[in-house]
Amino acid sequence: TVEKIKELRIISANFYDKVDAVLNQGGKHDIWDNIAFANAIQTTF
């Protein structure tokens, strides 16, 4: 999860792009510096 968020400025990802747009409206992923994030399901799908 940590490494995935670090890549967001260079690799587009649909879920994270949309969350960023809802929270930030700027699309530059700066919002991730200000929040915490985790996926609830721990199983590897």
All heavy atoms as atom14 arrays in JSON, in Angstrom:
{
  "sequence": "TVEKIKELRIISANFYDKVDAVLNQGGKHDIWDNIAFANAIQTTF",
  "atom14_mask": [
    [1, 1, 1, 1, 1, 1, 1, 0, 0, 0, 0, 0, 0, 0],
    [1, 1, 1, 1, 1, 1, 1, 0, 0, 0, 0, 0, 0, 0],
    [1, 1, 1, 1, 1, 1, 1, 1, 1, 0, 0, 0, 0, 0],
    [1, 1, 1, 1, 1, 1, 1, 1, 1, 0, 0, 0, 0, 0],
    [1, 1, 1, 1, 1, 1, 1, 1, 0, 0, 0, 0, 0, 0],
    [1, 1, 1, 1, 1, 1, 1, 1, 1, 0, 0, 0, 0, 0],
    [1, 1, 1, 1, 1, 1, 1, 1, 1, 0, 0, 0, 0, 0],
    [1, 1, 1, 1, 1, 1, 1, 1, 0, 0, 0, 0, 0, 0],
    [1, 1, 1, 1, 1, 1, 1, 1, 1, 1, 1, 0, 0, 0],
    [1, 1, 1, 1, 1, 1, 1, 1, 0, 0, 0, 0, 0, 0],
    [1, 1, 1, 1, 1, 1, 1, 1, 0, 0, 0, 0, 0, 0],
    [1, 1, 1, 1, 1, 1, 0, 0, 0, 0, 0, 0, 0, 0],
    [1, 1, 1, 1, 1, 0, 0, 0, 0, 0, 0, 0, 0, 0],
    [1, 1, 1, 1, 1, 1, 1, 1, 0, 0, 0, 0, 0, 0],
    [1, 1, 1, 1, 1, 1, 1, 1, 1, 1, 1, 0, 0, 0],
    [1, 1, 1, 1, 1, 1, 1, 1, 1, 1, 1, 1, 0, 0],
    [1, 1, 1, 1, 1, 1, 1, 1, 0, 0, 0, 0, 0, 0],
    [1, 1, 1, 1, 1, 1, 1, 1, 1, 0, 0, 0, 0, 0],
    [1, 1, 1, 1, 1, 1, 1, 0, 0, 0, 0, 0, 0, 0],
    [1, 1, 1, 1, 1, 1, 1, 1, 0, 0, 0, 0, 0, 0],
    [1, 1, 1, 1, 1, 0, 0, 0, 0, 0, 0, 0, 0, 0],
    [1, 1, 1, 1, 1, 1, 1, 0, 0, 0, 0, 0, 0, 0],
    [1, 1, 1, 1, 1, 1, 1, 1, 0, 0, 0, 0, 0, 0],
    [1, 1, 1, 1, 1, 1, 1, 1, 0, 0, 0, 0, 0, 0],
    [1, 1, 1, 1, 1, 1, 1, 1, 1, 0, 0, 0, 0, 0],
    [1, 1, 1, 1, 0, 0, 0, 0, 0, 0, 0, 0, 0, 0],
    [1, 1, 1, 1, 0, 0, 0, 0, 0, 0, 0, 0, 0, 0],
    [1, 1, 1, 1, 1, 1, 1, 1, 1, 0, 0, 0, 0, 0],
    [1, 1, 1, 1, 1, 1, 1, 1, 1, 1, 0, 0, 0, 0],
    [1, 1, 1, 1, 1, 1, 1, 1, 0, 0, 0, 0, 0, 0],
    [1, 1, 1, 1, 1, 1, 1, 1, 0, 0, 0, 0, 0, 0],
    [1, 1, 1, 1, 1, 1, 1, 1, 1, 1, 1, 1, 1, 1],
    [1, 1, 1, 1, 1, 1, 1, 1, 0, 0, 0, 0, 0, 0],
    [1, 1, 1, 1, 1, 1, 1, 1, 0, 0, 0, 0, 0, 0],
    [1, 1, 1, 1, 1, 1, 1, 1, 0, 0, 0, 0, 0, 0],
    [1, 1, 1, 1, 1, 0, 0, 0, 0, 0, 0, 0, 0, 0],
    [1, 1, 1, 1, 1, 1, 1, 1, 1, 1, 1, 0, 0, 0],
    [1, 1, 1, 1, 1, 0, 0, 0, 0, 0, 0, 0, 0, 0],
    [1, 1, 1, 1, 1, 1, 1, 1, 0, 0, 0, 0, 0, 0],
    [1, 1, 1, 1, 1, 0, 0, 0, 0, 0, 0, 0, 0, 0],
    [1, 1, 1, 1, 1, 1, 1, 1, 0, 0, 0, 0, 0, 0],
    [1, 1, 1, 1, 1, 1, 1, 1, 1, 0, 0, 0, 0, 0],
    [1, 1, 1, 1, 1, 1, 1, 0, 0, 0, 0, 0, 0, 0],
    [1, 1, 1, 1, 1, 1, 1, 0, 0, 0, 0, 0, 0, 0],
    [1, 1, 1, 1, 1, 1, 1, 1, 1, 1, 1, 0, 0, 0]
  ],
  "atom14_positions": [
    [[0.84, -1.21, 0.0], [0.0, 0.0, 0.0], [0.86, 1.25, 0.0], [0.62, 2.19, -0.76], [-0.94, 0.01, 1.22], [-1.78, -1.15, 1.18], [-1.8, 1.26, 1.24], [0.0, 0.0, 0.0], [0.0, 0.0, 0.0], [0.0, 0.0, 0.0], [0.0, 0.0, 0.0], [0.0, 0.0, 0.0], [0.0, 0.0, 0.0], [0.0, 0.0, 0.0]],
    [[1.87, 1.26, 0.85], [2.77, 2.42, 0.95], [3.46, 2.68, -0.39], [3.51, 3.82, -0.87], [3.8, 2.2, 2.07], [4.84, 3.31, 2.07], [3.1, 2.11, 3.42], [0.0, 0.0, 0.0], [0.0, 0.0, 0.0], [0.0, 0.0, 0.0], [0.0, 0.0, 0.0], [0.0, 0.0, 0.0], [0.0, 0.0, 0.0], [0.0, 0.0, 0.0]],
    [[3.98, 1.62, -0.99], [4.7, 1.78, -2.26], [3.75, 2.19, -3.38], [4.13, 2.96, -4.27], [5.42, 0.48, -2.62], [6.52, 0.08, -1.66], [7.57, 1.18, -1.53], [7.94, 1.78, -2.56], [8.01, 1.44, -0.39], [0.0, 0.0, 0.0], [0.0, 0.0, 0.0], [0.0, 0.0, 0.0], [0.0, 0.0, 0.0], [0.0, 0.0, 0.0]],
    [[2.52, 1.69, -3.34], [1.53, 2.06, -4.36], [1.24, 3.55, -4.33], [1.2, 4.22, -5.38], [0.23, 1.28, -4.11], [-0.86, 1.51, -5.15], [-0.5, 0.88, -6.47], [-1.61, 1.02, -7.48], [-1.24, 0.44, -8.8], [0.0, 0.0, 0.0], [0.0, 0.0, 0.0], [0.0, 0.0, 0.0], [0.0, 0.0, 0.0], [0.0, 0.0, 0.0]],
    [[1.06, 4.11, -3.16], [0.78, 5.55, -3.05], [1.98, 6.37, -3.51], [1.83, 7.41, -4.16], [0.39, 5.93, -1.6], [-0.83, 5.13, -1.14], [0.13, 7.42, -1.5], [-2.08, 5.37, -1.96], [0.0, 0.0, 0.0], [0.0, 0.0, 0.0], [0.0, 0.0, 0.0], [0.0, 0.0, 0.0], [0.0, 0.0, 0.0], [0.0, 0.0, 0.0]],
    [[3.18, 5.91, -3.21], [4.38, 6.63, -3.63], [4.47, 6.76, -5.15], [5.06, 7.7, -5.67], [5.63, 5.92, -3.11], [5.87, 6.06, -1.62], [7.12, 5.31, -1.21], [7.41, 5.41, 0.27], [8.62, 4.63, 0.65], [0.0, 0.0, 0.0], [0.0, 0.0, 0.0], [0.0, 0.0, 0.0], [0.0, 0.0, 0.0], [0.0, 0.0, 0.0]],
    [[3.89, 5.79, -5.88], [3.98, 5.77, -7.34], [2.94, 6.65, -8.04], [3.0, 6.82, -9.26], [3.79, 4.34, -7.85], [4.89, 3.38, -7.47], [4.6, 1.98, -7.97], [3.44, 1.7, -8.35], [5.53, 1.15, -7.98], [0.0, 0.0, 0.0], [0.0, 0.0, 0.0], [0.0, 0.0, 0.0], [0.0, 0.0, 0.0], [0.0, 0.0, 0.0]],
    [[1.99, 7.21, -7.29], [0.83, 7.82, -7.94], [1.17, 9.01, -8.83], [0.43, 9.31, -9.77], [-0.19, 8.24, -6.88], [-0.93, 7.09, -6.21], [-1.89, 7.62, -5.16], [-1.67, 6.23, -7.23], [0.0, 0.0, 0.0], [0.0, 0.0, 0.0], [0.0, 0.0, 0.0], [0.0, 0.0, 0.0], [0.0, 0.0, 0.0], [0.0, 0.0, 0.0]],
    [[2.24, 9.69, -8.54], [2.58, 10.85, -9.38], [3.16, 10.45, -10.73], [3.27, 11.28, -11.63], [3.54, 11.78, -8.63], [2.86, 12.58, -7.52], [3.8, 13.62, -6.92], [3.11, 14.51, -6.02], [2.9, 14.26, -4.74], [3.31, 13.13, -4.22], [2.25, 15.13, -3.97], [0.0, 0.0, 0.0], [0.0, 0.0, 0.0], [0.0, 0.0, 0.0]],
    [[3.53, 9.18, -10.87], [4.11, 8.75, -12.15], [3.3, 7.64, -12.83], [3.44, 7.42, -14.03], [5.57, 8.28, -11.98], [5.68, 7.17, -10.94], [6.46, 9.45, -11.59], [7.06, 6.56, -10.82], [0.0, 0.0, 0.0], [0.0, 0.0, 0.0], [0.0, 0.0, 0.0], [0.0, 0.0, 0.0], [0.0, 0.0, 0.0], [0.0, 0.0, 0.0]],
    [[2.46, 6.94, -12.06], [1.65, 5.85, -12.63], [0.18, 6.09, -12.29], [-0.2, 6.11, -11.12], [2.1, 4.48, -12.07], [3.57, 4.22, -12.44], [1.2, 3.37, -12.63], [4.11, 2.93, -11.87], [0.0, 0.0, 0.0], [0.0, 0.0, 0.0], [0.0, 0.0, 0.0], [0.0, 0.0, 0.0], [0.0, 0.0, 0.0], [0.0, 0.0, 0.0]],
    [[-0.64, 6.25, -13.3], [-2.06, 6.48, -13.1], [-2.75, 5.2, -12.61], [-2.4, 4.1, -13.04], [-2.72, 6.96, -14.4], [-4.1, 7.16, -14.21], [0.0, 0.0, 0.0], [0.0, 0.0, 0.0], [0.0, 0.0, 0.0], [0.0, 0.0, 0.0], [0.0, 0.0, 0.0], [0.0, 0.0, 0.0], [0.0, 0.0, 0.0], [0.0, 0.0, 0.0]],
    [[-3.71, 5.35, -11.71], [-4.49, 4.21, -11.2], [-5.92, 4.69, -10.97], [-6.14, 5.66, -10.25], [-3.88, 3.66, -9.92], [0.0, 0.0, 0.0], [0.0, 0.0, 0.0], [0.0, 0.0, 0.0], [0.0, 0.0, 0.0], [0.0, 0.0, 0.0], [0.0, 0.0, 0.0], [0.0, 0.0, 0.0], [0.0, 0.0, 0.0], [0.0, 0.0, 0.0]],
    [[-6.87, 4.0, -11.55], [-8.25, 4.48, -11.62], [-8.84, 4.83, -10.26], [-9.37, 5.92, -10.05], [-9.11, 3.43, -12.32], [-10.54, 3.91, -12.52], [-10.79, 4.98, -13.08], [-11.49, 3.11, -12.07], [0.0, 0.0, 0.0], [0.0, 0.0, 0.0], [0.0, 0.0, 0.0], [0.0, 0.0, 0.0], [0.0, 0.0, 0.0], [0.0, 0.0, 0.0]],
    [[-8.76, 3.9, -9.31], [-9.34, 4.14, -7.99], [-8.74, 5.38, -7.33], [-9.45, 6.27, -6.86], [-9.13, 2.92, -7.08], [-9.48, 3.16, -5.65], [-10.8, 3.06, -5.21], [-8.5, 3.49, -4.71], [-11.13, 3.3, -3.88], [-8.82, 3.72, -3.39], [-10.14, 3.63, -2.97], [0.0, 0.0, 0.0], [0.0, 0.0, 0.0], [0.0, 0.0, 0.0]],
    [[-7.43, 5.45, -7.32], [-6.73, 6.54, -6.64], [-6.96, 7.88, -7.36], [-7.08, 8.92, -6.71], [-5.25, 6.22, -6.53], [-4.98, 4.93, -5.8], [-4.84, 3.73, -6.51], [-4.9, 4.88, -4.42], [-4.62, 2.53, -5.85], [-4.68, 3.69, -3.75], [-4.55, 2.51, -4.47], [-4.33, 1.32, -3.81], [0.0, 0.0, 0.0], [0.0, 0.0, 0.0]],
    [[-7.02, 7.84, -8.69], [-7.3, 9.06, -9.45], [-8.67, 9.62, -9.09], [-8.84, 10.84, -8.94], [-7.24, 8.78, -10.95], [-5.83, 8.49, -11.45], [-4.87, 8.74, -10.69], [-5.69, 8.01, -12.59], [0.0, 0.0, 0.0], [0.0, 0.0, 0.0], [0.0, 0.0, 0.0], [0.0, 0.0, 0.0], [0.0, 0.0, 0.0], [0.0, 0.0, 0.0]],
    [[-9.66, 8.73, -8.96], [-11.02, 9.2, -8.66], [-11.14, 9.68, -7.22], [-11.82, 10.68, -6.95], [-12.03, 8.09, -8.96], [-12.22, 7.84, -10.45], [-13.29, 6.8, -10.72], [-13.52, 6.64, -12.21], [-14.54, 5.6, -12.51], [0.0, 0.0, 0.0], [0.0, 0.0, 0.0], [0.0, 0.0, 0.0], [0.0, 0.0, 0.0], [0.0, 0.0, 0.0]],
    [[-10.5, 8.99, -6.3], [-10.5, 9.46, -4.91], [-9.83, 10.83, -4.83], [-10.32, 11.74, -4.16], [-9.79, 8.45, -3.99], [-9.55, 9.06, -2.6], [-10.61, 7.18, -3.86], [0.0, 0.0, 0.0], [0.0, 0.0, 0.0], [0.0, 0.0, 0.0], [0.0, 0.0, 0.0], [0.0, 0.0, 0.0], [0.0, 0.0, 0.0], [0.0, 0.0, 0.0]],
    [[-8.69, 10.96, -5.52], [-8.0, 12.25, -5.56], [-8.9, 13.34, -6.11], [-8.96, 14.46, -5.57], [-6.74, 12.13, -6.43], [-6.02, 13.44, -6.59], [-5.27, 13.82, -5.68], [-6.2, 14.11, -7.62], [0.0, 0.0, 0.0], [0.0, 0.0, 0.0], [0.0, 0.0, 0.0], [0.0, 0.0, 0.0], [0.0, 0.0, 0.0], [0.0, 0.0, 0.0]],
    [[-9.65, 13.03, -7.18], [-10.53, 14.03, -7.79], [-11.66, 14.43, -6.84], [-12.02, 15.61, -6.76], [-11.12, 13.48, -9.09], [0.0, 0.0, 0.0], [0.0, 0.0, 0.0], [0.0, 0.0, 0.0], [0.0, 0.0, 0.0], [0.0, 0.0, 0.0], [0.0, 0.0, 0.0], [0.0, 0.0, 0.0], [0.0, 0.0, 0.0], [0.0, 0.0, 0.0]],
    [[-12.22, 13.46, -6.12], [-13.3, 13.77, -5.17], [-12.79, 14.62, -4.01], [-13.45, 15.57, -3.57], [-13.93, 12.47, -4.64], [-14.86, 12.75, -3.46], [-14.7, 11.76, -5.75], [0.0, 0.0, 0.0], [0.0, 0.0, 0.0], [0.0, 0.0, 0.0], [0.0, 0.0, 0.0], [0.0, 0.0, 0.0], [0.0, 0.0, 0.0], [0.0, 0.0, 0.0]],
    [[-11.59, 14.33, -3.53], [-11.06, 15.04, -2.37], [-10.36, 16.34, -2.72], [-10.44, 17.33, -1.98], [-10.06, 14.14, -1.63], [-10.61, 12.9, -0.94], [-9.47, 12.11, -0.34], [-11.61, 13.28, 0.14], [0.0, 0.0, 0.0], [0.0, 0.0, 0.0], [0.0, 0.0, 0.0], [0.0, 0.0, 0.0], [0.0, 0.0, 0.0], [0.0, 0.0, 0.0]],
    [[-9.67, 16.35, -3.84], [-8.73, 17.43, -4.13], [-9.17, 18.33, -5.27], [-8.9, 19.52, -5.27], [-7.36, 16.81, -4.47], [-6.22, 17.79, -4.43], [-6.18, 18.65, -3.57], [-5.31, 17.68, -5.38], [0.0, 0.0, 0.0], [0.0, 0.0, 0.0], [0.0, 0.0, 0.0], [0.0, 0.0, 0.0], [0.0, 0.0, 0.0], [0.0, 0.0, 0.0]],
    [[-9.82, 17.73, -6.26], [-10.31, 18.43, -7.45], [-9.17, 18.99, -8.3], [-9.41, 19.66, -9.3], [-11.29, 19.54, -7.08], [-12.47, 19.06, -6.25], [-13.44, 20.16, -5.94], [-13.67, 21.03, -6.76], [-14.03, 20.12, -4.76], [0.0, 0.0, 0.0], [0.0, 0.0, 0.0], [0.0, 0.0, 0.0], [0.0, 0.0, 0.0], [0.0, 0.0, 0.0]],
    [[-7.93, 18.71, -7.93], [-6.81, 19.22, -8.7], [-6.14, 18.18, -9.56], [-5.47, 18.5, -10.53], [0.0, 0.0, 0.0], [0.0, 0.0, 0.0], [0.0, 0.0, 0.0], [0.0, 0.0, 0.0], [0.0, 0.0, 0.0], [0.0, 0.0, 0.0], [0.0, 0.0, 0.0], [0.0, 0.0, 0.0], [0.0, 0.0, 0.0], [0.0, 0.0, 0.0]],
    [[-6.29, 16.9, -9.18], [-5.73, 15.82, -9.97], [-4.23, 15.67, -9.9], [-3.63, 14.98, -10.72], [0.0, 0.0, 0.0], [0.0, 0.0, 0.0], [0.0, 0.0, 0.0], [0.0, 0.0, 0.0], [0.0, 0.0, 0.0], [0.0, 0.0, 0.0], [0.0, 0.0, 0.0], [0.0, 0.0, 0.0], [0.0, 0.0, 0.0], [0.0, 0.0, 0.0]],
    [[-3.57, 16.27, -8.91], [-2.11, 16.22, -8.83], [-1.62, 15.31, -7.71], [-0.44, 15.22, -7.47], [-1.55, 17.63, -8.64], [-1.83, 18.56, -9.81], [-1.22, 19.94, -9.58], [-1.49, 20.86, -10.76], [-0.94, 22.22, -10.56], [0.0, 0.0, 0.0], [0.0, 0.0, 0.0], [0.0, 0.0, 0.0], [0.0, 0.0, 0.0], [0.0, 0.0, 0.0]],
    [[-2.56, 14.66, -7.03], [-2.24, 13.7, -5.98], [-1.55, 14.33, -4.77], [-0.99, 13.61, -3.95], [-1.39, 12.56, -6.54], [-2.09, 11.77, -7.6], [-3.23, 11.04, -7.36], [-1.83, 11.61, -8.93], [-3.64, 10.46, -8.48], [-2.82, 10.81, -9.45], [0.0, 0.0, 0.0], [0.0, 0.0, 0.0], [0.0, 0.0, 0.0], [0.0, 0.0, 0.0]],
    [[-1.61, 15.64, -4.64], [-1.03, 16.27, -3.45], [-1.8, 15.87, -2.18], [-1.23, 15.9, -1.08], [-1.07, 17.8, -3.59], [-0.18, 18.3, -4.72], [0.79, 17.59, -5.04], [-0.47, 19.36, -5.29], [0.0, 0.0, 0.0], [0.0, 0.0, 0.0], [0.0, 0.0, 0.0], [0.0, 0.0, 0.0], [0.0, 0.0, 0.0], [0.0, 0.0, 0.0]],
    [[-3.06, 15.52, -2.34], [-3.89, 15.19, -1.18], [-3.33, 14.02, -0.39], [-3.49, 13.93, 0.82], [-5.34, 14.89, -1.64], [-6.29, 14.83, -0.43], [-5.41, 13.59, -2.43], [-6.5, 16.14, 0.25], [0.0, 0.0, 0.0], [0.0, 0.0, 0.0], [0.0, 0.0, 0.0], [0.0, 0.0, 0.0], [0.0, 0.0, 0.0], [0.0, 0.0, 0.0]],
    [[-2.6, 13.12, -1.06], [-2.11, 11.92, -0.38], [-1.04, 12.24, 0.66], [-0.8, 11.44, 1.56], [-1.6, 10.91, -1.4], [-2.72, 10.48, -2.31], [-3.03, 11.01, -3.53], [-3.71, 9.48, -2.06], [-4.14, 10.39, -4.06], [-4.58, 9.45, -3.19], [-3.94, 8.6, -1.01], [-5.66, 8.58, -3.27], [-5.02, 7.72, -1.09], [-5.86, 7.72, -2.2]],
    [[-0.4, 13.4, 0.54], [0.55, 13.81, 1.57], [-0.16, 14.17, 2.88], [0.48, 14.21, 3.94], [1.36, 15.02, 1.11], [2.38, 14.68, 0.04], [2.76, 13.49, -0.06], [2.79, 15.59, -0.71], [0.0, 0.0, 0.0], [0.0, 0.0, 0.0], [0.0, 0.0, 0.0], [0.0, 0.0, 0.0], [0.0, 0.0, 0.0], [0.0, 0.0, 0.0]],
    [[-1.45, 14.45, 2.8], [-2.18, 14.97, 3.96], [-3.09, 13.96, 4.64], [-3.7, 14.28, 5.66], [-3.03, 16.17, 3.53], [-2.21, 17.29, 2.93], [-1.04, 17.46, 3.28], [-2.8, 18.05, 2.03], [0.0, 0.0, 0.0], [0.0, 0.0, 0.0], [0.0, 0.0, 0.0], [0.0, 0.0, 0.0], [0.0, 0.0, 0.0], [0.0, 0.0, 0.0]],
    [[-3.21, 12.75, 4.07], [-4.16, 11.78, 4.6], [-3.49, 10.44, 4.88], [-2.35, 10.21, 4.5], [-5.33, 11.57, 3.61], [-4.83, 10.96, 2.3], [-6.07, 12.88, 3.35], [-5.93, 10.65, 1.3], [0.0, 0.0, 0.0], [0.0, 0.0, 0.0], [0.0, 0.0, 0.0], [0.0, 0.0, 0.0], [0.0, 0.0, 0.0], [0.0, 0.0, 0.0]],
    [[-4.24, 9.58, 5.55], [-3.85, 8.18, 5.71], [-4.76, 7.33, 4.84], [-5.91, 7.71, 4.56], [-3.94, 7.76, 7.17], [0.0, 0.0, 0.0], [0.0, 0.0, 0.0], [0.0, 0.0, 0.0], [0.0, 0.0, 0.0], [0.0, 0.0, 0.0], [0.0, 0.0, 0.0], [0.0, 0.0, 0.0], [0.0, 0.0, 0.0], [0.0, 0.0, 0.0]],
    [[-4.25, 6.17, 4.42], [-5.05, 5.31, 3.54], [-4.73, 3.84, 3.79], [-3.58, 3.47, 4.05], [-4.76, 5.62, 2.07], [-5.37, 4.61, 1.13], [-6.72, 4.64, 0.83], [-4.59, 3.6, 0.57], [-7.29, 3.68, 0.0], [-5.14, 2.64, -0.26], [-6.5, 2.68, -0.55], [0.0, 0.0, 0.0], [0.0, 0.0, 0.0], [0.0, 0.0, 0.0]],
    [[-5.77, 3.01, 3.66], [-5.59, 1.56, 3.71], [-6.79, 0.89, 3.06], [-7.9, 1.44, 3.07], [-5.44, 1.06, 5.15], [0.0, 0.0, 0.0], [0.0, 0.0, 0.0], [0.0, 0.0, 0.0], [0.0, 0.0, 0.0], [0.0, 0.0, 0.0], [0.0, 0.0, 0.0], [0.0, 0.0, 0.0], [0.0, 0.0, 0.0], [0.0, 0.0, 0.0]],
    [[-6.58, -0.27, 2.48], [-7.68, -1.11, 2.03], [-8.08, -2.06, 3.14], [-7.22, -2.64, 3.82], [-7.28, -1.92, 0.79], [-7.43, -1.13, -0.49], [-8.29, -0.25, -0.6], [-6.61, -1.43, -1.48], [0.0, 0.0, 0.0], [0.0, 0.0, 0.0], [0.0, 0.0, 0.0], [0.0, 0.0, 0.0], [0.0, 0.0, 0.0], [0.0, 0.0, 0.0]],
    [[-9.38, -2.24, 3.33], [-9.85, -3.04, 4.45], [-9.63, -4.53, 4.27], [-9.24, -5.24, 5.2], [-11.34, -2.76, 4.69], [0.0, 0.0, 0.0], [0.0, 0.0, 0.0], [0.0, 0.0, 0.0], [0.0, 0.0, 0.0], [0.0, 0.0, 0.0], [0.0, 0.0, 0.0], [0.0, 0.0, 0.0], [0.0, 0.0, 0.0], [0.0, 0.0, 0.0]],
    [[-9.89, -5.05, 3.06], [-9.74, -6.48, 2.82], [-8.26, -6.84, 2.76], [-7.5, -6.24, 2.0], [-10.46, -6.89, 1.53], [-11.99, -6.73, 1.7], [-10.14, -8.33, 1.14], [-12.79, -6.99, 0.45], [0.0, 0.0, 0.0], [0.0, 0.0, 0.0], [0.0, 0.0, 0.0], [0.0, 0.0, 0.0], [0.0, 0.0, 0.0], [0.0, 0.0, 0.0]],
    [[-7.89, -7.82, 3.56], [-6.47, -8.19, 3.67], [-6.08, -9.37, 2.79], [-4.9, -9.67, 2.63], [-6.14, -8.51, 5.14], [-6.41, -7.36, 6.09], [-5.6, -6.13, 5.76], [-4.37, -6.14, 5.85], [-6.27, -5.05, 5.37], [0.0, 0.0, 0.0], [0.0, 0.0, 0.0], [0.0, 0.0, 0.0], [0.0, 0.0, 0.0], [0.0, 0.0, 0.0]],
    [[-7.07, -10.03, 2.2], [-6.81, -11.12, 1.27], [-6.23, -10.57, -0.03], [-6.63, -9.5, -0.49], [-8.12, -11.88, 0.96], [-8.75, -12.24, 2.19], [-7.86, -13.12, 0.14], [0.0, 0.0, 0.0], [0.0, 0.0, 0.0], [0.0, 0.0, 0.0], [0.0, 0.0, 0.0], [0.0, 0.0, 0.0], [0.0, 0.0, 0.0], [0.0, 0.0, 0.0]],
    [[-5.3, -11.31, -0.63], [-4.75, -10.9, -1.93], [-5.66, -11.42, -3.04], [-5.71, -12.63, -3.28], [-3.33, -11.46, -2.12], [-3.35, -12.88, -1.97], [-2.38, -10.86, -1.09], [0.0, 0.0, 0.0], [0.0, 0.0, 0.0], [0.0, 0.0, 0.0], [0.0, 0.0, 0.0], [0.0, 0.0, 0.0], [0.0, 0.0, 0.0], [0.0, 0.0, 0.0]],
    [[-6.38, -10.53, -3.7], [-7.28, -10.91, -4.78], [-6.5, -11.03, -6.09], [-5.5, -10.35, -6.3], [-8.39, -9.88, -4.94], [-9.48, -9.98, -3.9], [-9.4, -10.88, -2.86], [-10.61, -9.18, -3.98], [-10.4, -10.99, -1.9], [-11.62, -9.27, -3.04], [-11.52, -10.17, -1.99], [0.0, 0.0, 0.0], [0.0, 0.0, 0.0], [0.0, 0.0, 0.0]]
  ]
}
